[in-house]
Amino acid sequence: MTAAPPLAHVIADLTGVGSGALRDAALLSGLLIAAAGAGGLISAGTPLIRTAPSGGVSAVLLLDPCHVSIHSLPERGLVLVDILAPDSTGADKALDVFVRRLNPGAVVRETRMRG
């Protein structure tokens, strides 16, 4: 049996993001869908979104077979992005959507190959 190629797991902290964008559940939901499309990733449904009493948004888009998720913390100007994709190219393209649209002051990211 041939081993399957590893999955790319990208996590990123985007800091210095305007709090308005981080409270906008519709915007963040749209970014999940756009990120998956840009990365050539196949959605397994619609985003699941929860808005906290603080105004922060947690959202996940399940993919076939991975995910894209975000957690926003408007009081910190911070969004945490988590992308698990079949390859690093797709994961990088997906992350680029968040960076371009949210225009953070800084991005700290880590990529691990998994599996």
C-alpha atoms as a PDB file:
ATOM      1  CA  MET A   1       0.000   0.000   0.000  1.00  0.00           C
ATOM      2  CA  THR A   2       1.338   3.427  -0.944  1.00  0.00           C
ATOM      3  CA  ALA A   3       1.284   6.020   1.813  1.00  0.00           C
ATOM      4  CA  ALA A   4      -0.979   9.009   1.224  1.00  0.00           C
ATOM      5  CA  PRO A   5       0.787  12.365   0.963  1.00  0.00           C
ATOM      6  CA  PRO A   6       0.790  14.411   4.157  1.00  0.00           C
ATOM      7  CA  LEU A   7      -1.783  17.117   4.802  1.00  0.00           C
ATOM      8  CA  ALA A   8      -0.750  20.759   5.235  1.00  0.00           C
ATOM      9  CA  HIS A   9      -1.840  22.352   8.511  1.00  0.00           C
ATOM     10  CA  VAL A  10      -1.453  26.131   8.541  1.00  0.00           C
ATOM     11  CA  ILE A  11      -2.167  28.184  11.641  1.00  0.00           C
ATOM     12  CA  ALA A  12      -1.864  31.940  11.599  1.00  0.00           C
ATOM     13  CA  ASP A  13      -2.328  34.880  13.955  1.00  0.00           C
ATOM     14  CA  LEU A  14      -3.422  38.028  12.115  1.00  0.00           C
ATOM     15  CA  THR A  15      -2.980  41.043  14.399  1.00  0.00           C
ATOM     16  CA  GLY A  16      -3.835  44.688  14.014  1.00  0.00           C
ATOM     17  CA  VAL A  17      -7.153  43.968  12.273  1.00  0.00           C
ATOM     18  CA  GLY A  18      -9.987  46.507  12.605  1.00  0.00           C
ATOM     19  CA  SER A  19     -12.599  45.451  15.141  1.00  0.00           C
ATOM     20  CA  GLY A  20     -15.481  46.138  12.726  1.00  0.00           C
ATOM     21  CA  ALA A  21     -14.361  43.384  10.377  1.00  0.00           C
ATOM     22  CA  LEU A  22     -13.809  41.018  13.293  1.00  0.00           C
ATOM     23  CA  ARG A  23     -17.431  41.470  14.449  1.00  0.00           C
ATOM     24  CA  ASP A  24     -18.884  40.968  10.954  1.00  0.00           C
ATOM     25  CA  ALA A  25     -20.097  37.361  10.851  1.00  0.00           C
ATOM     26  CA  ALA A  26     -21.314  37.649   7.248  1.00  0.00           C
ATOM     27  CA  LEU A  27     -17.933  38.953   6.074  1.00  0.00           C
ATOM     28  CA  LEU A  28     -16.005  36.247   7.909  1.00  0.00           C
ATOM     29  CA  SER A  29     -18.353  33.548   6.627  1.00  0.00           C
ATOM     30  CA  GLY A  30     -17.821  34.800   3.090  1.00  0.00           C
ATOM     31  CA  LEU A  31     -14.065  34.751   3.613  1.00  0.00           C
ATOM     32  CA  LEU A  32     -14.206  31.078   4.607  1.00  0.00           C
ATOM     33  CA  ILE A  33     -15.963  30.265   1.338  1.00  0.00           C
ATOM     34  CA  ALA A  34     -13.634  32.491  -0.711  1.00  0.00           C
ATOM     35  CA  ALA A  35     -10.555  30.992   0.965  1.00  0.00           C
ATOM     36  CA  ALA A  36     -11.684  27.458   0.182  1.00  0.00           C
ATOM     37  CA  GLY A  37     -12.337  28.419  -3.431  1.00  0.00           C
ATOM     38  CA  ALA A  38      -8.982  30.149  -3.817  1.00  0.00           C
ATOM     39  CA  GLY A  39      -7.218  27.092  -2.426  1.00  0.00           C
ATOM     40  CA  GLY A  40      -9.056  24.697  -4.725  1.00  0.00           C
ATOM     41  CA  LEU A  41     -10.614  23.073  -1.665  1.00  0.00           C
ATOM     42  CA  ILE A  42     -13.989  21.328  -1.825  1.00  0.00           C
ATOM     43  CA  SER A  43     -16.609  22.478   0.672  1.00  0.00           C
ATOM     44  CA  ALA A  44     -18.664  19.825   2.441  1.00  0.00           C
ATOM     45  CA  GLY A  45     -21.461  22.284   3.274  1.00  0.00           C
ATOM     46  CA  THR A  46     -22.039  25.805   4.528  1.00  0.00           C
ATOM     47  CA  PRO A  47     -20.033  27.548   7.267  1.00  0.00           C
ATOM     48  CA  LEU A  48     -21.037  27.031  10.880  1.00  0.00           C
ATOM     49  CA  ILE A  49     -20.881  30.411  12.620  1.00  0.00           C
ATOM     50  CA  ARG A  50     -21.238  31.499  16.241  1.00  0.00           C
ATOM     51  CA  THR A  51     -21.066  35.058  17.530  1.00  0.00           C
ATOM     52  CA  ALA A  52     -19.971  35.456  21.149  1.00  0.00           C
ATOM     53  CA  PRO A  53     -21.514  38.002  23.528  1.00  0.00           C
ATOM     54  CA  SER A  54     -18.227  39.928  23.221  1.00  0.00           C
ATOM     55  CA  GLY A  55     -18.842  40.275  19.473  1.00  0.00           C
ATOM     56  CA  GLY A  56     -16.139  37.843  18.435  1.00  0.00           C
ATOM     57  CA  VAL A  57     -16.923  35.284  15.764  1.00  0.00           C
ATOM     58  CA  SER A  58     -15.995  31.607  15.599  1.00  0.00           C
ATOM     59  CA  ALA A  59     -16.622  29.901  12.283  1.00  0.00           C
ATOM     60  CA  VAL A  60     -15.697  26.691  10.527  1.00  0.00           C
ATOM     61  CA  LEU A  61     -16.124  25.410   6.997  1.00  0.00           C
ATOM     62  CA  LEU A  62     -15.767  21.661   6.705  1.00  0.00           C
ATOM     63  CA  LEU A  63     -14.007  20.532   3.564  1.00  0.00           C
ATOM     64  CA  ASP A  64     -13.662  17.239   1.816  1.00  0.00           C
ATOM     65  CA  PRO A  65     -11.670  16.001   3.804  1.00  0.00           C
ATOM     66  CA  CYS A  66     -10.278  18.930   5.833  1.00  0.00           C
ATOM     67  CA  HIS A  67     -11.361  22.327   7.265  1.00  0.00           C
ATOM     68  CA  VAL A  68     -10.892  26.085   7.418  1.00  0.00           C
ATOM     69  CA  SER A  69     -11.724  27.780  10.724  1.00  0.00           C
ATOM     70  CA  ILE A  70     -11.395  31.216  12.269  1.00  0.00           C
ATOM     71  CA  HIS A  71     -11.798  32.793  15.687  1.00  0.00           C
ATOM     72  CA  SER A  72     -11.930  36.573  15.937  1.00  0.00           C
ATOM     73  CA  LEU A  73     -11.160  38.575  19.051  1.00  0.00           C
ATOM     74  CA  PRO A  74     -12.165  42.163  18.228  1.00  0.00           C
ATOM     75  CA  GLU A  75     -10.990  43.530  21.576  1.00  0.00           C
ATOM     76  CA  ARG A  76      -7.462  42.402  20.633  1.00  0.00           C
ATOM     77  CA  GLY A  77      -7.636  43.177  16.906  1.00  0.00           C
ATOM     78  CA  LEU A  78      -6.816  39.501  16.397  1.00  0.00           C
ATOM     79  CA  VAL A  79      -8.077  36.725  14.165  1.00  0.00           C
ATOM     80  CA  LEU A  80      -6.804  33.165  14.475  1.00  0.00           C
ATOM     81  CA  VAL A  81      -6.923  31.153  11.258  1.00  0.00           C
ATOM     82  CA  ASP A  82      -6.617  27.362  11.061  1.00  0.00           C
ATOM     83  CA  ILE A  83      -6.445  25.625   7.682  1.00  0.00           C
ATOM     84  CA  LEU A  84      -6.034  21.892   7.132  1.00  0.00           C
ATOM     85  CA  ALA A  85      -5.697  21.141   3.423  1.00  0.00           C
ATOM     86  CA  PRO A  86      -4.529  18.312   1.162  1.00  0.00           C
ATOM     87  CA  ASP A  87      -1.434  20.320   0.149  1.00  0.00           C
ATOM     88  CA  SER A  88       0.525  23.402   1.195  1.00  0.00           C
ATOM     89  CA  THR A  89      -0.221  25.301  -2.030  1.00  0.00           C
ATOM     90  CA  GLY A  90      -3.965  25.169  -1.377  1.00  0.00           C
ATOM     91  CA  ALA A  91      -3.505  26.103   2.273  1.00  0.00           C
ATOM     92  CA  ASP A  92      -1.276  29.071   1.366  1.00  0.00           C
ATOM     93  CA  LYS A  93      -3.764  30.351  -1.210  1.00  0.00           C
ATOM     94  CA  ALA A  94      -6.577  30.044   1.326  1.00  0.00           C
ATOM     95  CA  LEU A  95      -4.632  32.010   3.951  1.00  0.00           C
ATOM     96  CA  ASP A  96      -3.841  34.726   1.400  1.00  0.00           C
ATOM     97  CA  VAL A  97      -7.578  35.491   1.105  1.00  0.00           C
ATOM     98  CA  PHE A  98      -7.772  36.378   4.811  1.00  0.00           C
ATOM     99  CA  VAL A  99      -4.588  38.438   4.680  1.00  0.00           C
ATOM    100  CA  ARG A 100      -5.649  40.429   1.609  1.00  0.00           C
ATOM    101  CA  ARG A 101      -9.161  41.169   2.847  1.00  0.00           C
ATOM    102  CA  LEU A 102      -8.474  41.799   6.545  1.00  0.00           C
ATOM    103  CA  ASN A 103      -5.237  43.749   5.969  1.00  0.00           C
ATOM    104  CA  PRO A 104      -3.581  42.859   9.285  1.00  0.00           C
ATOM    105  CA  GLY A 105      -0.678  44.809  10.709  1.00  0.00           C
ATOM    106  CA  ALA A 106       1.242  41.558  11.161  1.00  0.00           C
ATOM    107  CA  VAL A 107       0.919  37.875  10.312  1.00  0.00           C
ATOM    108  CA  VAL A 108       2.591  35.101  12.286  1.00  0.00           C
ATOM    109  CA  ARG A 109       2.106  31.703  10.668  1.00  0.00           C
ATOM    110  CA  GLU A 110       3.270  28.150  11.029  1.00  0.00           C
ATOM    111  CA  THR A 111       2.893  25.235   8.632  1.00  0.00           C
ATOM    112  CA  ARG A 112       3.145  21.608   9.678  1.00  0.00           C
ATOM    113  CA  MET A 113       2.842  18.631   7.405  1.00  0.00           C
ATOM    114  CA  ARG A 114       0.616  16.073   9.107  1.00  0.00           C
ATOM    115  CA  GLY A 115      -0.143  12.421   8.661  1.00  0.00           C
END
